[in-house]
Amino acid sequence: QVQLVESGGGLVQPGGSLRLSCAASGSMYRINVMGWYRQAPGKERELVATITSDGRTNYADSMKGRFAISRDNGKNTVYLQMNNLKPEDTAVYYCYLRNIQSVNYWGQGTQVTVSS
């Protein structure tokens, strides 16, 4: 079984920054993609950003230029640096992992609240 443990969420004022981390552990085949999705109240879960094992990134359009995803393959950890946060970024952020057998795993989620 794979465990994804997220950290770094919290309350931040508009224009502020947060850095999320997600560490993967457990019995897993080689990781292919890691990333982040988010879900705001009353909305569907949406893509934030993903990164492949060789460093290729993909961002949702609304996050480009403000968010940056990175990973440490040796630590099986993915990071999300979020800058210039807006109230509409308020959501539960979920860590995501897909291995080379296309099995998907999800973290428990971490709350990000952007409010003055």
PDB file of N, CA and C in Angstrom:
ATOM      1  N   GLN A   1       0.841  -1.196   0.000  1.00  0.00           N
ATOM      2  CA  GLN A   1       0.000   0.000   0.000  1.00  0.00           C
ATOM      3  C   GLN A   1       0.877   1.248   0.000  1.00  0.00           C
ATOM      4  N   VAL A   2       0.411   2.272  -0.699  1.00  0.00           N
ATOM      5  CA  VAL A   2       1.138   3.530  -0.813  1.00  0.00           C
ATOM      6  C   VAL A   2       0.502   4.566   0.090  1.00  0.00           C
ATOM      7  N   GLN A   3       1.333   5.307   0.786  1.00  0.00           N
ATOM      8  CA  GLN A   3       0.855   6.413   1.603  1.00  0.00           C
ATOM      9  C   GLN A   3       1.415   7.716   1.064  1.00  0.00           C
ATOM     10  N   LEU A   4       0.554   8.712   0.969  1.00  0.00           N
ATOM     11  CA  LEU A   4       0.943  10.060   0.565  1.00  0.00           C
ATOM     12  C   LEU A   4       0.630  10.982   1.732  1.00  0.00           C
ATOM     13  N   VAL A   5       1.646  11.636   2.246  1.00  0.00           N
ATOM     14  CA  VAL A   5       1.471  12.505   3.401  1.00  0.00           C
ATOM     15  C   VAL A   5       1.767  13.935   2.981  1.00  0.00           C
ATOM     16  N   GLU A   6       0.740  14.764   3.058  1.00  0.00           N
ATOM     17  CA  GLU A   6       0.853  16.166   2.655  1.00  0.00           C
ATOM     18  C   GLU A   6       1.116  17.041   3.868  1.00  0.00           C
ATOM     19  N   SER A   7       1.757  18.166   3.629  1.00  0.00           N
ATOM     20  CA  SER A   7       1.975  19.149   4.681  1.00  0.00           C
ATOM     21  C   SER A   7       2.126  20.522   4.038  1.00  0.00           C
ATOM     22  N   GLY A   8       1.965  21.555   4.852  1.00  0.00           N
ATOM     23  CA  GLY A   8       2.222  22.910   4.391  1.00  0.00           C
ATOM     24  C   GLY A   8       1.003  23.770   4.159  1.00  0.00           C
ATOM     25  N   GLY A   9      -0.178  23.216   4.289  1.00  0.00           N
ATOM     26  CA  GLY A   9      -1.373  24.028   4.113  1.00  0.00           C
ATOM     27  C   GLY A   9      -1.581  24.972   5.286  1.00  0.00           C
ATOM     28  N   GLY A  10      -2.572  25.864   5.147  1.00  0.00           N
ATOM     29  CA  GLY A  10      -2.867  26.787   6.224  1.00  0.00           C
ATOM     30  C   GLY A  10      -3.600  28.011   5.743  1.00  0.00           C
ATOM     31  N   LEU A  11      -3.608  29.019   6.585  1.00  0.00           N
ATOM     32  CA  LEU A  11      -4.275  30.286   6.299  1.00  0.00           C
ATOM     33  C   LEU A  11      -3.236  31.320   5.881  1.00  0.00           C
ATOM     34  N   VAL A  12      -3.513  32.002   4.782  1.00  0.00           N
ATOM     35  CA  VAL A  12      -2.589  33.018   4.284  1.00  0.00           C
ATOM     36  C   VAL A  12      -3.400  34.184   3.742  1.00  0.00           C
ATOM     37  N   GLN A  13      -2.848  35.366   3.805  1.00  0.00           N
ATOM     38  CA  GLN A  13      -3.526  36.546   3.274  1.00  0.00           C
ATOM     39  C   GLN A  13      -3.372  36.612   1.759  1.00  0.00           C
ATOM     40  N   PRO A  14      -4.291  37.270   1.092  1.00  0.00           N
ATOM     41  CA  PRO A  14      -4.140  37.459  -0.362  1.00  0.00           C
ATOM     42  C   PRO A  14      -2.796  38.079  -0.708  1.00  0.00           C
ATOM     43  N   GLY A  15      -2.167  37.544  -1.748  1.00  0.00           N
ATOM     44  CA  GLY A  15      -0.834  37.989  -2.136  1.00  0.00           C
ATOM     45  C   GLY A  15       0.283  37.229  -1.464  1.00  0.00           C
ATOM     46  N   GLY A  16      -0.051  36.414  -0.493  1.00  0.00           N
ATOM     47  CA  GLY A  16       0.957  35.656   0.235  1.00  0.00           C
ATOM     48  C   GLY A  16       1.371  34.388  -0.477  1.00  0.00           C
ATOM     49  N   SER A  17       2.232  33.619   0.190  1.00  0.00           N
ATOM     50  CA  SER A  17       2.789  32.395  -0.390  1.00  0.00           C
ATOM     51  C   SER A  17       2.680  31.238   0.583  1.00  0.00           C
ATOM     52  N   LEU A  18       2.604  30.051   0.018  1.00  0.00           N
ATOM     53  CA  LEU A  18       2.657  28.805   0.779  1.00  0.00           C
ATOM     54  C   LEU A  18       3.424  27.785  -0.032  1.00  0.00           C
ATOM     55  N   ARG A  19       4.027  26.828   0.672  1.00  0.00           N
ATOM     56  CA  ARG A  19       4.705  25.722   0.001  1.00  0.00           C
ATOM     57  C   ARG A  19       4.143  24.422   0.538  1.00  0.00           C
ATOM     58  N   LEU A  20       3.556  23.640  -0.347  1.00  0.00           N
ATOM     59  CA  LEU A  20       3.034  22.330   0.022  1.00  0.00           C
ATOM     60  C   LEU A  20       4.079  21.259  -0.280  1.00  0.00           C
ATOM     61  N   SER A  21       4.084  20.237   0.556  1.00  0.00           N
ATOM     62  CA  SER A  21       4.954  19.085   0.347  1.00  0.00           C
ATOM     63  C   SER A  21       4.135  17.816   0.423  1.00  0.00           C
ATOM     64  N   CYS A  22       4.571  16.803  -0.296  1.00  0.00           N
ATOM     65  CA  CYS A  22       3.910  15.502  -0.261  1.00  0.00           C
ATOM     66  C   CYS A  22       4.963  14.427  -0.395  1.00  0.00           C
ATOM     67  N   ALA A  23       5.050  13.586   0.621  1.00  0.00           N
ATOM     68  CA  ALA A  23       6.014  12.494   0.620  1.00  0.00           C
ATOM     69  C   ALA A  23       5.297  11.173   0.419  1.00  0.00           C
ATOM     70  N   ALA A  24       5.789  10.384  -0.510  1.00  0.00           N
ATOM     71  CA  ALA A  24       5.218   9.066  -0.793  1.00  0.00           C
ATOM     72  C   ALA A  24       6.057   7.988  -0.131  1.00  0.00           C
ATOM     73  N   SER A  25       5.378   7.002   0.428  1.00  0.00           N
ATOM     74  CA  SER A  25       6.074   5.888   1.054  1.00  0.00           C
ATOM     75  C   SER A  25       5.242   4.628   0.898  1.00  0.00           C
ATOM     76  N   GLY A  26       5.864   3.497   1.230  1.00  0.00           N
ATOM     77  CA  GLY A  26       5.139   2.246   1.157  1.00  0.00           C
ATOM     78  C   GLY A  26       5.572   1.387  -0.013  1.00  0.00           C
ATOM     79  N   SER A  27       4.772   0.392  -0.276  1.00  0.00           N
ATOM     80  CA  SER A  27       5.079  -0.558  -1.338  1.00  0.00           C
ATOM     81  C   SER A  27       4.562  -0.019  -2.666  1.00  0.00           C
ATOM     82  N   MET A  28       5.450   0.359  -3.548  1.00  0.00           N
ATOM     83  CA  MET A  28       4.994   0.927  -4.807  1.00  0.00           C
ATOM     84  C   MET A  28       5.979   0.621  -5.923  1.00  0.00           C
ATOM     85  N   TYR A  29       5.452   0.505  -7.101  1.00  0.00           N
ATOM     86  CA  TYR A  29       6.292   0.391  -8.274  1.00  0.00           C
ATOM     87  C   TYR A  29       6.840   1.770  -8.614  1.00  0.00           C
ATOM     88  N   ARG A  30       7.665   1.817  -9.615  1.00  0.00           N
ATOM     89  CA  ARG A  30       8.323   3.076  -9.928  1.00  0.00           C
ATOM     90  C   ARG A  30       7.307   4.166 -10.227  1.00  0.00           C
ATOM     91  N   ILE A  31       7.542   5.326  -9.644  1.00  0.00           N
ATOM     92  CA  ILE A  31       6.631   6.450  -9.795  1.00  0.00           C
ATOM     93  C   ILE A  31       6.793   7.047 -11.184  1.00  0.00           C
ATOM     94  N   ASN A  32       5.675   7.386 -11.819  1.00  0.00           N
ATOM     95  CA  ASN A  32       5.715   8.047 -13.111  1.00  0.00           C
ATOM     96  C   ASN A  32       5.392   9.532 -12.952  1.00  0.00           C
ATOM     97  N   VAL A  33       4.231   9.815 -12.462  1.00  0.00           N
ATOM     98  CA  VAL A  33       3.763  11.190 -12.336  1.00  0.00           C
ATOM     99  C   VAL A  33       3.406  11.488 -10.884  1.00  0.00           C
ATOM    100  N   MET A  34       3.771  12.664 -10.433  1.00  0.00           N
ATOM    101  CA  MET A  34       3.297  13.180  -9.161  1.00  0.00           C
ATOM    102  C   MET A  34       2.700  14.555  -9.410  1.00  0.00           C
ATOM    103  N   GLY A  35       1.810  14.949  -8.527  1.00  0.00           N
ATOM    104  CA  GLY A  35       1.212  16.259  -8.751  1.00  0.00           C
ATOM    105  C   GLY A  35       0.219  16.648  -7.687  1.00  0.00           C
ATOM    106  N   TRP A  36      -0.524  17.691  -8.034  1.00  0.00           N
ATOM    107  CA  TRP A  36      -1.495  18.261  -7.115  1.00  0.00           C
ATOM    108  C   TRP A  36      -2.798  18.563  -7.851  1.00  0.00           C
ATOM    109  N   TYR A  37      -3.879  18.248  -7.174  1.00  0.00           N
ATOM    110  CA  TYR A  37      -5.207  18.660  -7.575  1.00  0.00           C
ATOM    111  C   TYR A  37      -5.814  19.435  -6.413  1.00  0.00           C
ATOM    112  N   ARG A  38      -6.904  20.138  -6.682  1.00  0.00           N
ATOM    113  CA  ARG A  38      -7.582  20.839  -5.601  1.00  0.00           C
ATOM    114  C   ARG A  38      -9.086  20.773  -5.790  1.00  0.00           C
ATOM    115  N   GLN A  39      -9.794  20.933  -4.677  1.00  0.00           N
ATOM    116  CA  GLN A  39     -11.251  20.922  -4.713  1.00  0.00           C
ATOM    117  C   GLN A  39     -11.779  21.986  -3.775  1.00  0.00           C
ATOM    118  N   ALA A  40     -12.488  22.954  -4.340  1.00  0.00           N
ATOM    119  CA  ALA A  40     -13.119  24.009  -3.565  1.00  0.00           C
ATOM    120  C   ALA A  40     -14.541  23.570  -3.198  1.00  0.00           C
ATOM    121  N   PRO A  41     -15.106  24.153  -2.165  1.00  0.00           N
ATOM    122  CA  PRO A  41     -16.472  23.776  -1.756  1.00  0.00           C
ATOM    123  C   PRO A  41     -17.461  23.944  -2.898  1.00  0.00           C
ATOM    124  N   GLY A  42     -18.229  22.899  -3.151  1.00  0.00           N
ATOM    125  CA  GLY A  42     -19.241  22.958  -4.187  1.00  0.00           C
ATOM    126  C   GLY A  42     -18.727  22.807  -5.597  1.00  0.00           C
ATOM    127  N   LYS A  43     -17.441  22.537  -5.743  1.00  0.00           N
ATOM    128  CA  LYS A  43     -16.851  22.402  -7.075  1.00  0.00           C
ATOM    129  C   LYS A  43     -16.204  21.039  -7.234  1.00  0.00           C
ATOM    130  N   GLU A  44     -15.946  20.687  -8.490  1.00  0.00           N
ATOM    131  CA  GLU A  44     -15.283  19.426  -8.765  1.00  0.00           C
ATOM    132  C   GLU A  44     -13.773  19.558  -8.536  1.00  0.00           C
ATOM    133  N   ARG A  45     -13.152  18.416  -8.323  1.00  0.00           N
ATOM    134  CA  ARG A  45     -11.701  18.409  -8.184  1.00  0.00           C
ATOM    135  C   ARG A  45     -11.079  18.795  -9.517  1.00  0.00           C
ATOM    136  N   GLU A  46     -10.047  19.654  -9.462  1.00  0.00           N
ATOM    137  CA  GLU A  46      -9.417  20.126 -10.677  1.00  0.00           C
ATOM    138  C   GLU A  46      -7.909  20.009 -10.595  1.00  0.00           C
ATOM    139  N   LEU A  47      -7.297  19.921 -11.757  1.00  0.00           N
ATOM    140  CA  LEU A  47      -5.843  19.852 -11.852  1.00  0.00           C
ATOM    141  C   LEU A  47      -5.217  21.156 -11.405  1.00  0.00           C
ATOM    142  N   VAL A  48      -4.132  21.043 -10.632  1.00  0.00           N
ATOM    143  CA  VAL A  48      -3.290  22.194 -10.342  1.00  0.00           C
ATOM    144  C   VAL A  48      -2.025  22.083 -11.181  1.00  0.00           C
ATOM    145  N   ALA A  49      -1.264  21.020 -10.955  1.00  0.00           N
ATOM    146  CA  ALA A  49      -0.019  20.824 -11.699  1.00  0.00           C
ATOM    147  C   ALA A  49       0.448  19.393 -11.517  1.00  0.00           C
ATOM    148  N   THR A  50       1.177  18.905 -12.519  1.00  0.00           N
ATOM    149  CA  THR A  50       1.796  17.593 -12.425  1.00  0.00           C
ATOM    150  C   THR A  50       3.233  17.677 -12.914  1.00  0.00           C
ATOM    151  N   ILE A  51       4.025  16.682 -12.520  1.00  0.00           N
ATOM    152  CA  ILE A  51       5.418  16.616 -12.955  1.00  0.00           C
ATOM    153  C   ILE A  51       5.794  15.156 -13.134  1.00  0.00           C
ATOM    154  N   THR A  52       6.450  14.862 -14.253  1.00  0.00           N
ATOM    155  CA  THR A  52       6.851  13.487 -14.518  1.00  0.00           C
ATOM    156  C   THR A  52       8.200  13.190 -13.865  1.00  0.00           C
ATOM    157  N   SER A  53       8.592  11.931 -13.936  1.00  0.00           N
ATOM    158  CA  SER A  53       9.848  11.520 -13.311  1.00  0.00           C
ATOM    159  C   SER A  53      11.056  12.188 -13.973  1.00  0.00           C
ATOM    160  N   ASP A  54      10.920  12.596 -15.238  1.00  0.00           N
ATOM    161  CA  ASP A  54      12.032  13.266 -15.909  1.00  0.00           C
ATOM    162  C   ASP A  54      11.859  14.784 -15.920  1.00  0.00           C
ATOM    163  N   GLY A  55      10.924  15.294 -15.113  1.00  0.00           N
ATOM    164  CA  GLY A  55      10.833  16.725 -14.888  1.00  0.00           C
ATOM    165  C   GLY A  55       9.898  17.509 -15.783  1.00  0.00           C
ATOM    166  N   ARG A  56       9.145  16.849 -16.635  1.00  0.00           N
ATOM    167  CA  ARG A  56       8.196  17.589 -17.465  1.00  0.00           C
ATOM    168  C   ARG A  56       6.997  18.010 -16.623  1.00  0.00           C
ATOM    169  N   THR A  57       6.622  19.279 -16.753  1.00  0.00           N
ATOM    170  CA  THR A  57       5.549  19.828 -15.934  1.00  0.00           C
ATOM    171  C   THR A  57       4.330  20.188 -16.765  1.00  0.00           C
ATOM    172  N   ASN A  58       3.206  20.203 -16.092  1.00  0.00           N
ATOM    173  CA  ASN A  58       1.940  20.600 -16.706  1.00  0.00           C
ATOM    174  C   ASN A  58       1.159  21.386 -15.662  1.00  0.00           C
ATOM    175  N   TYR A  59       0.658  22.553 -16.059  1.00  0.00           N
ATOM    176  CA  TYR A  59      -0.076  23.410 -15.136  1.00  0.00           C
ATOM    177  C   TYR A  59      -1.457  23.737 -15.685  1.00  0.00           C
ATOM    178  N   ALA A  60      -2.397  23.896 -14.774  1.00  0.00           N
ATOM    179  CA  ALA A  60      -3.660  24.497 -15.167  1.00  0.00           C
ATOM    180  C   ALA A  60      -3.397  25.955 -15.529  1.00  0.00           C
ATOM    181  N   ASP A  61      -4.130  26.465 -16.485  1.00  0.00           N
ATOM    182  CA  ASP A  61      -3.862  27.817 -16.993  1.00  0.00           C
ATOM    183  C   ASP A  61      -3.902  28.872 -15.895  1.00  0.00           C
ATOM    184  N   SER A  62      -4.819  28.744 -14.958  1.00  0.00           N
ATOM    185  CA  SER A  62      -4.976  29.779 -13.920  1.00  0.00           C
ATOM    186  C   SER A  62      -3.828  29.785 -12.918  1.00  0.00           C
ATOM    187  N   MET A  63      -3.010  28.729 -12.932  1.00  0.00           N
ATOM    188  CA  MET A  63      -1.894  28.640 -11.991  1.00  0.00           C
ATOM    189  C   MET A  63      -0.556  29.018 -12.621  1.00  0.00           C
ATOM    190  N   LYS A  64      -0.510  29.063 -13.937  1.00  0.00           N
ATOM    191  CA  LYS A  64       0.748  29.366 -14.611  1.00  0.00           C
ATOM    192  C   LYS A  64       1.273  30.728 -14.182  1.00  0.00           C
ATOM    193  N   GLY A  65       2.560  30.764 -13.864  1.00  0.00           N
ATOM    194  CA  GLY A  65       3.180  32.006 -13.450  1.00  0.00           C
ATOM    195  C   GLY A  65       3.088  32.295 -11.970  1.00  0.00           C
ATOM    196  N   ARG A  66       2.182  31.624 -11.276  1.00  0.00           N
ATOM    197  CA  ARG A  66       2.054  31.827  -9.832  1.00  0.00           C
ATOM    198  C   ARG A  66       2.485  30.609  -9.023  1.00  0.00           C
ATOM    199  N   PHE A  67       2.255  29.427  -9.575  1.00  0.00           N
ATOM    200  CA  PHE A  67       2.588  28.183  -8.888  1.00  0.00           C
ATOM    201  C   PHE A  67       3.774  27.513  -9.580  1.00  0.00           C
ATOM    202  N   ALA A  68       4.563  26.810  -8.781  1.00  0.00           N
ATOM    203  CA  ALA A  68       5.692  26.061  -9.341  1.00  0.00           C
ATOM    204  C   ALA A  68       5.763  24.699  -8.673  1.00  0.00           C
ATOM    205  N   ILE A  69       5.767  23.667  -9.495  1.00  0.00           N
ATOM    206  CA  ILE A  69       5.852  22.309  -8.979  1.00  0.00           C
ATOM    207  C   ILE A  69       7.271  21.788  -9.169  1.00  0.00           C
ATOM    208  N   SER A  70       7.725  21.001  -8.201  1.00  0.00           N
ATOM    209  CA  SER A  70       9.042  20.378  -8.294  1.00  0.00           C
ATOM    210  C   SER A  70       9.003  19.051  -7.547  1.00  0.00           C
ATOM    211  N   ARG A  71      10.020  18.243  -7.756  1.00  0.00           N
ATOM    212  CA  ARG A  71      10.052  16.956  -7.055  1.00  0.00           C
ATOM    213  C   ARG A  71      11.482  16.542  -6.762  1.00  0.00           C
ATOM    214  N   ASP A  72      11.604  15.735  -5.730  1.00  0.00           N
ATOM    215  CA  ASP A  72      12.871  15.117  -5.358  1.00  0.00           C
ATOM    216  C   ASP A  72      12.669  13.622  -5.517  1.00  0.00           C
ATOM    217  N   ASN A  73      13.168  13.068  -6.607  1.00  0.00           N
ATOM    218  CA  ASN A  73      12.928  11.654  -6.885  1.00  0.00           C
ATOM    219  C   ASN A  73      13.565  10.750  -5.832  1.00  0.00           C
ATOM    220  N   GLY A  74      14.685  11.170  -5.291  1.00  0.00           N
ATOM    221  CA  GLY A  74      15.342  10.358  -4.274  1.00  0.00           C
ATOM    222  C   GLY A  74      14.529  10.234  -2.997  1.00  0.00           C
ATOM    223  N   LYS A  75      13.730  11.262  -2.726  1.00  0.00           N
ATOM    224  CA  LYS A  75      12.898  11.276  -1.517  1.00  0.00           C
ATOM    225  C   LYS A  75      11.442  10.957  -1.822  1.00  0.00           C
ATOM    226  N   ASN A  76      11.117  10.673  -3.084  1.00  0.00           N
ATOM    227  CA  ASN A  76       9.721  10.430  -3.482  1.00  0.00           C
ATOM    228  C   ASN A  76       8.812  11.544  -2.976  1.00  0.00           C
ATOM    229  N   THR A  77       9.256  12.765  -3.140  1.00  0.00           N
ATOM    230  CA  THR A  77       8.532  13.917  -2.615  1.00  0.00           C
ATOM    231  C   THR A  77       8.267  14.923  -3.722  1.00  0.00           C
ATOM    232  N   VAL A  78       7.070  15.481  -3.693  1.00  0.00           N
ATOM    233  CA  VAL A  78       6.702  16.533  -4.634  1.00  0.00           C
ATOM    234  C   VAL A  78       6.342  17.778  -3.847  1.00  0.00           C
ATOM    235  N   TYR A  79       6.672  18.926  -4.427  1.00  0.00           N
ATOM    236  CA  TYR A  79       6.435  20.208  -3.769  1.00  0.00           C
ATOM    237  C   TYR A  79       5.579  21.097  -4.675  1.00  0.00           C
ATOM    238  N   LEU A  80       4.851  22.003  -4.040  1.00  0.00           N
ATOM    239  CA  LEU A  80       4.104  23.008  -4.791  1.00  0.00           C
ATOM    240  C   LEU A  80       4.327  24.360  -4.122  1.00  0.00           C
ATOM    241  N   GLN A  81       5.062  25.212  -4.795  1.00  0.00           N
ATOM    242  CA  GLN A  81       5.263  26.576  -4.322  1.00  0.00           C
ATOM    243  C   GLN A  81       4.159  27.444  -4.903  1.00  0.00           C
ATOM    244  N   MET A  82       3.397  28.073  -4.025  1.00  0.00           N
ATOM    245  CA  MET A  82       2.263  28.886  -4.451  1.00  0.00           C
ATOM    246  C   MET A  82       2.517  30.340  -4.053  1.00  0.00           C
ATOM    247  N   ASN A  83       2.560  31.208  -5.032  1.00  0.00           N
ATOM    248  CA  ASN A  83       2.817  32.629  -4.806  1.00  0.00           C
ATOM    249  C   ASN A  83       1.624  33.460  -5.261  1.00  0.00           C
ATOM    250  N   ASN A  84       1.583  34.690  -4.758  1.00  0.00           N
ATOM    251  CA  ASN A  84       0.503  35.610  -5.127  1.00  0.00           C
ATOM    252  C   ASN A  84      -0.865  34.921  -5.000  1.00  0.00           C
ATOM    253  N   LEU A  85      -1.097  34.336  -3.869  1.00  0.00           N
ATOM    254  CA  LEU A  85      -2.331  33.588  -3.664  1.00  0.00           C
ATOM    255  C   LEU A  85      -3.543  34.500  -3.657  1.00  0.00           C
ATOM    256  N   LYS A  86      -4.640  33.973  -4.167  1.00  0.00           N
ATOM    257  CA  LYS A  86      -5.887  34.710  -4.275  1.00  0.00           C
ATOM    258  C   LYS A  86      -6.977  33.986  -3.497  1.00  0.00           C
ATOM    259  N   PRO A  87      -8.016  34.706  -3.093  1.00  0.00           N
ATOM    260  CA  PRO A  87      -9.110  34.026  -2.376  1.00  0.00           C
ATOM    261  C   PRO A  87      -9.681  32.842  -3.147  1.00  0.00           C
ATOM    262  N   GLU A  88      -9.701  32.915  -4.464  1.00  0.00           N
ATOM    263  CA  GLU A  88     -10.239  31.805  -5.254  1.00  0.00           C
ATOM    264  C   GLU A  88      -9.327  30.585  -5.273  1.00  0.00           C
ATOM    265  N   ASP A  89      -8.134  30.700  -4.701  1.00  0.00           N
ATOM    266  CA  ASP A  89      -7.259  29.535  -4.551  1.00  0.00           C
ATOM    267  C   ASP A  89      -7.628  28.713  -3.315  1.00  0.00           C
ATOM    268  N   THR A  90      -8.546  29.215  -2.508  1.00  0.00           N
ATOM    269  CA  THR A  90      -8.978  28.484  -1.325  1.00  0.00           C
ATOM    270  C   THR A  90      -9.596  27.151  -1.722  1.00  0.00           C
ATOM    271  N   ALA A  91      -9.062  26.076  -1.163  1.00  0.00           N
ATOM    272  CA  ALA A  91      -9.507  24.730  -1.524  1.00  0.00           C
ATOM    273  C   ALA A  91      -8.761  23.713  -0.670  1.00  0.00           C
ATOM    274  N   VAL A  92      -9.203  22.487  -0.756  1.00  0.00           N
ATOM    275  CA  VAL A  92      -8.417  21.374  -0.238  1.00  0.00           C
ATOM    276  C   VAL A  92      -7.507  20.903  -1.370  1.00  0.00           C
ATOM    277  N   TYR A  93      -6.232  20.825  -1.093  1.00  0.00           N
ATOM    278  CA  TYR A  93      -5.239  20.436  -2.092  1.00  0.00           C
ATOM    279  C   TYR A  93      -4.845  18.978  -1.834  1.00  0.00           C
ATOM    280  N   TYR A  94      -4.933  18.186  -2.905  1.00  0.00           N
ATOM    281  CA  TYR A  94      -4.673  16.753  -2.817  1.00  0.00           C
ATOM    282  C   TYR A  94      -3.416  16.396  -3.592  1.00  0.00           C
ATOM    283  N   CYS A  95      -2.560  15.637  -2.958  1.00  0.00           N
ATOM    284  CA  CYS A  95      -1.389  15.090  -3.620  1.00  0.00           C
ATOM    285  C   CYS A  95      -1.809  13.885  -4.462  1.00  0.00           C
ATOM    286  N   TYR A  96      -1.136  13.708  -5.579  1.00  0.00           N
ATOM    287  CA  TYR A  96      -1.492  12.667  -6.533  1.00  0.00           C
ATOM    288  C   TYR A  96      -0.227  11.955  -7.006  1.00  0.00           C
ATOM    289  N   LEU A  97      -0.340  10.661  -7.177  1.00  0.00           N
ATOM    290  CA  LEU A  97       0.777   9.859  -7.687  1.00  0.00           C
ATOM    291  C   LEU A  97       0.232   8.816  -8.646  1.00  0.00           C
ATOM    292  N   ARG A  98       0.912   8.643  -9.750  1.00  0.00           N
ATOM    293  CA  ARG A  98       0.589   7.555 -10.667  1.00  0.00           C
ATOM    294  C   ARG A  98       1.872   6.783 -10.957  1.00  0.00           C
ATOM    295  N   ASN A  99       1.818   5.475 -10.779  1.00  0.00           N
ATOM    296  CA  ASN A  99       3.027   4.692 -11.031  1.00  0.00           C
ATOM    297  C   ASN A  99       3.076   4.241 -12.493  1.00  0.00           C
ATOM    298  N   ILE A 100       4.131   3.493 -12.844  1.00  0.00           N
ATOM    299  CA  ILE A 100       4.315   3.116 -14.244  1.00  0.00           C
ATOM    300  C   ILE A 100       3.300   2.077 -14.694  1.00  0.00           C
ATOM    301  N   GLN A 101       2.556   1.509 -13.746  1.00  0.00           N
ATOM    302  CA  GLN A 101       1.472   0.599 -14.102  1.00  0.00           C
ATOM    303  C   GLN A 101       0.136   1.340 -14.172  1.00  0.00           C
ATOM    304  N   SER A 102       0.219   2.688 -14.132  1.00  0.00           N
ATOM    305  CA  SER A 102      -0.972   3.548 -14.222  1.00  0.00           C
ATOM    306  C   SER A 102      -1.940   3.354 -13.069  1.00  0.00           C
ATOM    307  N   VAL A 103      -1.429   2.983 -11.910  1.00  0.00           N
ATOM    308  CA  VAL A 103      -2.242   2.934 -10.700  1.00  0.00           C
ATOM    309  C   VAL A 103      -2.150   4.303 -10.030  1.00  0.00           C
ATOM    310  N   ASN A 104      -3.302   4.853  -9.667  1.00  0.00           N
ATOM    311  CA  ASN A 104      -3.364   6.188  -9.075  1.00  0.00           C
ATOM    312  C   ASN A 104      -3.515   6.114  -7.564  1.00  0.00           C
ATOM    313  N   TYR A 105      -2.874   7.045  -6.882  1.00  0.00           N
ATOM    314  CA  TYR A 105      -2.979   7.162  -5.433  1.00  0.00           C
ATOM    315  C   TYR A 105      -3.239   8.624  -5.076  1.00  0.00           C
ATOM    316  N   TRP A 106      -3.943   8.814  -3.962  1.00  0.00           N
ATOM    317  CA  TRP A 106      -4.296  10.163  -3.518  1.00  0.00           C
ATOM    318  C   TRP A 106      -3.942  10.343  -2.043  1.00  0.00           C
ATOM    319  N   GLY A 107      -3.547  11.560  -1.696  1.00  0.00           N
ATOM    320  CA  GLY A 107      -3.353  11.893  -0.309  1.00  0.00           C
ATOM    321  C   GLY A 107      -4.674  12.255   0.349  1.00  0.00           C
ATOM    322  N   GLN A 108      -4.603  12.555   1.633  1.00  0.00           N
ATOM    323  CA  GLN A 108      -5.827  12.847   2.383  1.00  0.00           C
ATOM    324  C   GLN A 108      -6.284  14.290   2.207  1.00  0.00           C
ATOM    325  N   GLY A 109      -5.425  15.127   1.668  1.00  0.00           N
ATOM    326  CA  GLY A 109      -5.771  16.508   1.414  1.00  0.00           C
ATOM    327  C   GLY A 109      -5.281  17.445   2.513  1.00  0.00           C
ATOM    328  N   THR A 110      -4.935  18.652   2.113  1.00  0.00           N
ATOM    329  CA  THR A 110      -4.530  19.685   3.062  1.00  0.00           C
ATOM    330  C   THR A 110      -5.261  20.984   2.701  1.00  0.00           C
ATOM    331  N   GLN A 111      -5.791  21.640   3.709  1.00  0.00           N
ATOM    332  CA  GLN A 111      -6.608  22.829   3.475  1.00  0.00           C
ATOM    333  C   GLN A 111      -5.717  24.053   3.254  1.00  0.00           C
ATOM    334  N   VAL A 112      -6.027  24.796   2.209  1.00  0.00           N
ATOM    335  CA  VAL A 112      -5.405  26.096   1.951  1.00  0.00           C
ATOM    336  C   VAL A 112      -6.521  27.135   1.954  1.00  0.00           C
ATOM    337  N   THR A 113      -6.396  28.125   2.830  1.00  0.00           N
ATOM    338  CA  THR A 113      -7.384  29.195   2.914  1.00  0.00           C
ATOM    339  C   THR A 113      -6.697  30.525   2.686  1.00  0.00           C
ATOM    340  N   VAL A 114      -7.200  31.270   1.710  1.00  0.00           N
ATOM    341  CA  VAL A 114      -6.645  32.589   1.389  1.00  0.00           C
ATOM    342  C   VAL A 114      -7.692  33.627   1.769  1.00  0.00           C
ATOM    343  N   SER A 115      -7.391  34.367   2.808  1.00  0.00           N
ATOM    344  CA  SER A 115      -8.367  35.321   3.322  1.00  0.00           C
ATOM    345  C   SER A 115      -7.668  36.394   4.134  1.00  0.00           C
ATOM    346  N   SER A 116      -8.231  37.585   4.094  1.00  0.00           N
ATOM    347  CA  SER A 116      -7.702  38.677   4.920  1.00  0.00           C
ATOM    348  C   SER A 116      -8.445  38.744   6.252  1.00  0.00           C
TER     349      SER A 116
END
